[in-house]
Amino acid sequence: RVERLYKSSSEDGLPAWIVESRGGAQG
């Protein structure tokens, strides 16, 4: 399950997507 998805910047200043998720047998 994707809990959160947002756009950020990487170390080199280029756009990056951060995905916070929860999964697996233990969540």
PDB file of all heavy atoms in Angstrom:
ATOM      1  N   ARG A   1       0.849  -1.192   0.000  1.00  0.00           N
ATOM      2  CA  ARG A   1       0.000   0.000   0.000  1.00  0.00           C
ATOM      3  C   ARG A   1       0.883   1.241   0.000  1.00  0.00           C
ATOM      4  O   ARG A   1       1.768   1.388   0.859  1.00  0.00           O
ATOM      5  CB  ARG A   1      -0.882  -0.007   1.239  1.00  0.00           C
ATOM      6  CG  ARG A   1      -1.758   1.199   1.377  1.00  0.00           C
ATOM      7  CD  ARG A   1      -2.456   1.175   2.724  1.00  0.00           C
ATOM      8  NE  ARG A   1      -3.213   2.367   2.900  1.00  0.00           N
ATOM      9  CZ  ARG A   1      -4.536   2.423   2.848  1.00  0.00           C
ATOM     10  NH1 ARG A   1      -5.227   1.325   2.663  1.00  0.00           N
ATOM     11  NH2 ARG A   1      -5.168   3.560   3.003  1.00  0.00           N
ATOM     12  N   VAL A   2       0.663   2.137  -0.948  1.00  0.00           N
ATOM     13  CA  VAL A   2       1.390   3.398  -0.969  1.00  0.00           C
ATOM     14  C   VAL A   2       0.684   4.345  -0.001  1.00  0.00           C
ATOM     15  O   VAL A   2      -0.487   4.654  -0.158  1.00  0.00           O
ATOM     16  CB  VAL A   2       1.442   4.006  -2.388  1.00  0.00           C
ATOM     17  CG1 VAL A   2       2.065   5.388  -2.361  1.00  0.00           C
ATOM     18  CG2 VAL A   2       2.221   3.085  -3.327  1.00  0.00           C
ATOM     19  N   GLU A   3       1.416   4.769   1.018  1.00  0.00           N
ATOM     20  CA  GLU A   3       0.865   5.659   2.037  1.00  0.00           C
ATOM     21  C   GLU A   3       1.000   7.125   1.622  1.00  0.00           C
ATOM     22  O   GLU A   3       0.163   7.946   1.940  1.00  0.00           O
ATOM     23  CB  GLU A   3       1.587   5.442   3.372  1.00  0.00           C
ATOM     24  CG  GLU A   3       1.474   4.033   3.916  1.00  0.00           C
ATOM     25  CD  GLU A   3       0.123   3.760   4.529  1.00  0.00           C
ATOM     26  OE1 GLU A   3      -0.541   4.701   4.975  1.00  0.00           O
ATOM     27  OE2 GLU A   3      -0.269   2.578   4.563  1.00  0.00           O
ATOM     28  N   ARG A   4       2.094   7.423   0.917  1.00  0.00           N
ATOM     29  CA  ARG A   4       2.343   8.805   0.525  1.00  0.00           C
ATOM     30  C   ARG A   4       3.283   8.822  -0.668  1.00  0.00           C
ATOM     31  O   ARG A   4       4.227   8.035  -0.740  1.00  0.00           O
ATOM     32  CB  ARG A   4       2.962   9.565   1.696  1.00  0.00           C
ATOM     33  CG  ARG A   4       3.151  11.027   1.450  1.00  0.00           C
ATOM     34  CD  ARG A   4       3.596  11.725   2.732  1.00  0.00           C
ATOM     35  NE  ARG A   4       3.777  13.147   2.455  1.00  0.00           N
ATOM     36  CZ  ARG A   4       4.718  13.891   2.988  1.00  0.00           C
ATOM     37  NH1 ARG A   4       5.560  13.371   3.858  1.00  0.00           N
ATOM     38  NH2 ARG A   4       4.832  15.157   2.690  1.00  0.00           N
ATOM     39  N   LEU A   5       3.035   9.743  -1.589  1.00  0.00           N
ATOM     40  CA  LEU A   5       3.880   9.944  -2.763  1.00  0.00           C
ATOM     41  C   LEU A   5       4.035  11.443  -2.934  1.00  0.00           C
ATOM     42  O   LEU A   5       3.045  12.164  -2.978  1.00  0.00           O
ATOM     43  CB  LEU A   5       3.224   9.322  -3.995  1.00  0.00           C
ATOM     44  CG  LEU A   5       3.803   9.682  -5.353  1.00  0.00           C
ATOM     45  CD1 LEU A   5       5.199   9.107  -5.506  1.00  0.00           C
ATOM     46  CD2 LEU A   5       2.902   9.199  -6.464  1.00  0.00           C
ATOM     47  N   TYR A   6       5.278  11.908  -2.996  1.00  0.00           N
ATOM     48  CA  TYR A   6       5.470  13.343  -3.182  1.00  0.00           C
ATOM     49  C   TYR A   6       6.756  13.615  -3.946  1.00  0.00           C
ATOM     50  O   TYR A   6       7.669  12.806  -3.974  1.00  0.00           O
ATOM     51  CB  TYR A   6       5.455  14.093  -1.845  1.00  0.00           C
ATOM     52  CG  TYR A   6       6.479  13.634  -0.838  1.00  0.00           C
ATOM     53  CD1 TYR A   6       7.705  14.275  -0.727  1.00  0.00           C
ATOM     54  CD2 TYR A   6       6.221  12.571   0.008  1.00  0.00           C
ATOM     55  CE1 TYR A   6       8.649  13.864   0.206  1.00  0.00           C
ATOM     56  CE2 TYR A   6       7.150  12.155   0.948  1.00  0.00           C
ATOM     57  CZ  TYR A   6       8.360  12.802   1.039  1.00  0.00           C
ATOM     58  OH  TYR A   6       9.279  12.388   1.967  1.00  0.00           O
ATOM     59  N   LYS A   7       6.776  14.788  -4.573  1.00  0.00           N
ATOM     60  CA  LYS A   7       7.923  15.195  -5.374  1.00  0.00           C
ATOM     61  C   LYS A   7       8.888  15.973  -4.489  1.00  0.00           C
ATOM     62  O   LYS A   7       8.488  16.803  -3.681  1.00  0.00           O
ATOM     63  CB  LYS A   7       7.438  16.074  -6.520  1.00  0.00           C
ATOM     64  CG  LYS A   7       8.401  16.206  -7.659  1.00  0.00           C
ATOM     65  CD  LYS A   7       7.727  16.940  -8.795  1.00  0.00           C
ATOM     66  CE  LYS A   7       8.549  16.842 -10.045  1.00  0.00           C
ATOM     67  NZ  LYS A   7       7.884  17.503 -11.159  1.00  0.00           N
ATOM     68  N   SER A   8      10.155  15.685  -4.653  1.00  0.00           N
ATOM     69  CA  SER A   8      11.205  16.326  -3.877  1.00  0.00           C
ATOM     70  C   SER A   8      12.354  16.640  -4.834  1.00  0.00           C
ATOM     71  O   SER A   8      12.205  16.525  -6.035  1.00  0.00           O
ATOM     72  CB  SER A   8      11.651  15.378  -2.763  1.00  0.00           C
ATOM     73  OG  SER A   8      12.601  15.996  -1.958  1.00  0.00           O
ATOM     74  N   SER A   9      13.491  17.018  -4.304  1.00  0.00           N
ATOM     75  CA  SER A   9      14.684  17.237  -5.120  1.00  0.00           C
ATOM     76  C   SER A   9      15.769  16.277  -4.676  1.00  0.00           C
ATOM     77  O   SER A   9      15.902  15.979  -3.495  1.00  0.00           O
ATOM     78  CB  SER A   9      15.193  18.668  -4.964  1.00  0.00           C
ATOM     79  OG  SER A   9      14.279  19.574  -5.499  1.00  0.00           O
ATOM     80  N   SER A  10      16.526  15.810  -5.632  1.00  0.00           N
ATOM     81  CA  SER A  10      17.645  14.933  -5.306  1.00  0.00           C
ATOM     82  C   SER A  10      18.864  15.786  -4.982  1.00  0.00           C
ATOM     83  O   SER A  10      18.821  17.014  -5.060  1.00  0.00           O
ATOM     84  CB  SER A  10      17.923  13.990  -6.473  1.00  0.00           C
ATOM     85  OG  SER A  10      18.321  14.731  -7.604  1.00  0.00           O
ATOM     86  N   GLU A  11      19.964  15.133  -4.647  1.00  0.00           N
ATOM     87  CA  GLU A  11      21.196  15.840  -4.299  1.00  0.00           C
ATOM     88  C   GLU A  11      21.691  16.719  -5.448  1.00  0.00           C
ATOM     89  O   GLU A  11      22.279  17.768  -5.239  1.00  0.00           O
ATOM     90  CB  GLU A  11      22.297  14.846  -3.903  1.00  0.00           C
ATOM     91  CG  GLU A  11      21.991  14.018  -2.679  1.00  0.00           C
ATOM     92  CD  GLU A  11      21.100  12.826  -2.969  1.00  0.00           C
ATOM     93  OE1 GLU A  11      21.219  12.215  -4.056  1.00  0.00           O
ATOM     94  OE2 GLU A  11      20.268  12.504  -2.106  1.00  0.00           O
ATOM     95  N   ASP A  12      21.439  16.286  -6.689  1.00  0.00           N
ATOM     96  CA  ASP A  12      21.917  17.052  -7.847  1.00  0.00           C
ATOM     97  C   ASP A  12      20.907  18.094  -8.314  1.00  0.00           C
ATOM     98  O   ASP A  12      21.092  18.713  -9.356  1.00  0.00           O
ATOM     99  CB  ASP A  12      22.293  16.112  -8.988  1.00  0.00           C
ATOM    100  CG  ASP A  12      21.165  15.173  -9.383  1.00  0.00           C
ATOM    101  OD1 ASP A  12      20.040  15.335  -8.876  1.00  0.00           O
ATOM    102  OD2 ASP A  12      21.422  14.273 -10.193  1.00  0.00           O
ATOM    103  N   GLY A  13      19.832  18.293  -7.539  1.00  0.00           N
ATOM    104  CA  GLY A  13      18.850  19.318  -7.870  1.00  0.00           C
ATOM    105  C   GLY A  13      17.772  18.876  -8.837  1.00  0.00           C
ATOM    106  O   GLY A  13      16.863  19.643  -9.146  1.00  0.00           O
ATOM    107  N   LEU A  14      17.865  17.647  -9.335  1.00  0.00           N
ATOM    108  CA  LEU A  14      16.854  17.143 -10.260  1.00  0.00           C
ATOM    109  C   LEU A  14      15.628  16.649  -9.480  1.00  0.00           C
ATOM    110  O   LEU A  14      15.743  16.275  -8.315  1.00  0.00           O
ATOM    111  CB  LEU A  14      17.435  16.011 -11.107  1.00  0.00           C
ATOM    112  CG  LEU A  14      18.581  16.408 -12.027  1.00  0.00           C
ATOM    113  CD1 LEU A  14      19.167  15.176 -12.691  1.00  0.00           C
ATOM    114  CD2 LEU A  14      18.116  17.408 -13.070  1.00  0.00           C
ATOM    115  N   PRO A  15      14.458  16.641 -10.130  1.00  0.00           N
ATOM    116  CA  PRO A  15      13.259  16.155  -9.446  1.00  0.00           C
ATOM    117  C   PRO A  15      13.401  14.688  -9.039  1.00  0.00           C
ATOM    118  O   PRO A  15      14.048  13.897  -9.722  1.00  0.00           O
ATOM    119  CB  PRO A  15      12.158  16.303 -10.496  1.00  0.00           C
ATOM    120  CG  PRO A  15      12.697  17.224 -11.519  1.00  0.00           C
ATOM    121  CD  PRO A  15      14.186  17.094 -11.479  1.00  0.00           C
ATOM    122  N   ALA A  16      12.821  14.356  -7.914  1.00  0.00           N
ATOM    123  CA  ALA A  16      12.814  12.979  -7.428  1.00  0.00           C
ATOM    124  C   ALA A  16      11.451  12.716  -6.804  1.00  0.00           C
ATOM    125  O   ALA A  16      10.802  13.627  -6.296  1.00  0.00           O
ATOM    126  CB  ALA A  16      13.912  12.769  -6.398  1.00  0.00           C
ATOM    127  N   TRP A  17      11.019  11.471  -6.857  1.00  0.00           N
ATOM    128  CA  TRP A  17       9.759  11.068  -6.232  1.00  0.00           C
ATOM    129  C   TRP A  17      10.067  10.253  -4.991  1.00  0.00           C
ATOM    130  O   TRP A  17      10.854   9.321  -5.036  1.00  0.00           O
ATOM    131  CB  TRP A  17       8.926  10.231  -7.201  1.00  0.00           C
ATOM    132  CG  TRP A  17       8.411  11.043  -8.348  1.00  0.00           C
ATOM    133  CD1 TRP A  17       8.973  11.151  -9.585  1.00  0.00           C
ATOM    134  CD2 TRP A  17       7.255  11.858  -8.348  1.00  0.00           C
ATOM    135  NE1 TRP A  17       8.219  11.990 -10.356  1.00  0.00           N
ATOM    136  CE2 TRP A  17       7.155  12.441  -9.622  1.00  0.00           C
ATOM    137  CE3 TRP A  17       6.285  12.155  -7.390  1.00  0.00           C
ATOM    138  CZ2 TRP A  17       6.120  13.297  -9.972  1.00  0.00           C
ATOM    139  CZ3 TRP A  17       5.252  13.001  -7.736  1.00  0.00           C
ATOM    140  CH2 TRP A  17       5.185  13.563  -9.006  1.00  0.00           C
ATOM    141  N   ILE A  18       9.434  10.616  -3.889  1.00  0.00           N
ATOM    142  CA  ILE A  18       9.591   9.889  -2.640  1.00  0.00           C
ATOM    143  C   ILE A  18       8.313   9.079  -2.427  1.00  0.00           C
ATOM    144  O   ILE A  18       7.208   9.632  -2.459  1.00  0.00           O
ATOM    145  CB  ILE A  18       9.813  10.841  -1.444  1.00  0.00           C
ATOM    146  CG1 ILE A  18      10.963  11.807  -1.739  1.00  0.00           C
ATOM    147  CG2 ILE A  18      10.037  10.053  -0.161  1.00  0.00           C
ATOM    148  CD1 ILE A  18      12.292  11.151  -2.041  1.00  0.00           C
ATOM    149  N   VAL A  19       8.476   7.780  -2.242  1.00  0.00           N
ATOM    150  CA  VAL A  19       7.337   6.880  -2.039  1.00  0.00           C
ATOM    151  C   VAL A  19       7.449   6.270  -0.648  1.00  0.00           C
ATOM    152  O   VAL A  19       8.428   5.608  -0.331  1.00  0.00           O
ATOM    153  CB  VAL A  19       7.311   5.754  -3.104  1.00  0.00           C
ATOM    154  CG1 VAL A  19       6.133   4.827  -2.871  1.00  0.00           C
ATOM    155  CG2 VAL A  19       7.264   6.342  -4.502  1.00  0.00           C
ATOM    156  N   GLU A  20       6.442   6.532   0.156  1.00  0.00           N
ATOM    157  CA  GLU A  20       6.339   5.912   1.474  1.00  0.00           C
ATOM    158  C   GLU A  20       5.294   4.818   1.358  1.00  0.00           C
ATOM    159  O   GLU A  20       4.158   5.080   0.959  1.00  0.00           O
ATOM    160  CB  GLU A  20       5.936   6.943   2.532  1.00  0.00           C
ATOM    161  CG  GLU A  20       6.949   8.047   2.700  1.00  0.00           C
ATOM    162  CD  GLU A  20       6.509   9.115   3.679  1.00  0.00           C
ATOM    163  OE1 GLU A  20       5.445   8.961   4.330  1.00  0.00           O
ATOM    164  OE2 GLU A  20       7.228  10.118   3.798  1.00  0.00           O
ATOM    165  N   SER A  21       5.682   3.579   1.668  1.00  0.00           N
ATOM    166  CA  SER A  21       4.770   2.451   1.478  1.00  0.00           C
ATOM    167  C   SER A  21       4.785   1.532   2.689  1.00  0.00           C
ATOM    168  O   SER A  21       5.621   1.653   3.575  1.00  0.00           O
ATOM    169  CB  SER A  21       5.152   1.671   0.215  1.00  0.00           C
ATOM    170  OG  SER A  21       6.459   1.155   0.333  1.00  0.00           O
ATOM    171  N   ARG A  22       3.825   0.631   2.688  1.00  0.00           N
ATOM    172  CA  ARG A  22       3.707  -0.352   3.770  1.00  0.00           C
ATOM    173  C   ARG A  22       3.286  -1.663   3.117  1.00  0.00           C
ATOM    174  O   ARG A  22       2.352  -1.706   2.334  1.00  0.00           O
ATOM    175  CB  ARG A  22       2.665   0.126   4.773  1.00  0.00           C
ATOM    176  CG  ARG A  22       2.599  -0.695   6.032  1.00  0.00           C
ATOM    177  CD  ARG A  22       1.732  -0.011   7.076  1.00  0.00           C
ATOM    178  NE  ARG A  22       2.276   1.252   7.544  1.00  0.00           N
ATOM    179  CZ  ARG A  22       3.223   1.395   8.467  1.00  0.00           C
ATOM    180  NH1 ARG A  22       3.756   0.322   9.025  1.00  0.00           N
ATOM    181  NH2 ARG A  22       3.648   2.567   8.842  1.00  0.00           N
ATOM    182  N   GLY A  23       4.009  -2.744   3.436  1.00  0.00           N
ATOM    183  CA  GLY A  23       3.674  -4.018   2.816  1.00  0.00           C
ATOM    184  C   GLY A  23       4.339  -5.178   3.521  1.00  0.00           C
ATOM    185  O   GLY A  23       4.909  -5.030   4.595  1.00  0.00           O
ATOM    186  N   GLY A  24       4.254  -6.321   2.887  1.00  0.00           N
ATOM    187  CA  GLY A  24       4.812  -7.522   3.479  1.00  0.00           C
ATOM    188  C   GLY A  24       3.866  -8.114   4.508  1.00  0.00           C
ATOM    189  O   GLY A  24       2.830  -7.550   4.833  1.00  0.00           O
ATOM    190  N   ALA A  25       4.222  -9.249   5.025  1.00  0.00           N
ATOM    191  CA  ALA A  25       3.372  -9.966   5.980  1.00  0.00           C
ATOM    192  C   ALA A  25       3.169  -9.172   7.263  1.00  0.00           C
ATOM    193  O   ALA A  25       2.119  -9.249   7.891  1.00  0.00           O
ATOM    194  CB  ALA A  25       3.998 -11.327   6.303  1.00  0.00           C
ATOM    195  N   GLN A  26       4.174  -8.390   7.657  1.00  0.00           N
ATOM    196  CA  GLN A  26       4.100  -7.634   8.909  1.00  0.00           C
ATOM    197  C   GLN A  26       3.702  -6.181   8.693  1.00  0.00           C
ATOM    198  O   GLN A  26       3.628  -5.430   9.645  1.00  0.00           O
ATOM    199  CB  GLN A  26       5.436  -7.678   9.630  1.00  0.00           C
ATOM    200  CG  GLN A  26       6.043  -9.042   9.673  1.00  0.00           C
ATOM    201  CD  GLN A  26       5.239 -10.030  10.523  1.00  0.00           C
ATOM    202  OE1 GLN A  26       5.502 -10.150  11.517  1.00  0.00           O
ATOM    203  NE2 GLN A  26       4.272 -10.731  10.136  1.00  0.00           N
ATOM    204  N   GLY A  27       3.480  -5.787   7.433  1.00  0.00           N
ATOM    205  CA  GLY A  27       3.119  -4.404   7.148  1.00  0.00           C
ATOM    206  C   GLY A  27       4.255  -3.427   7.407  1.00  0.00           C
ATOM    207  O   GLY A  27       4.044  -2.330   7.914  1.00  0.00           O
TER     208      GLY A  27
END
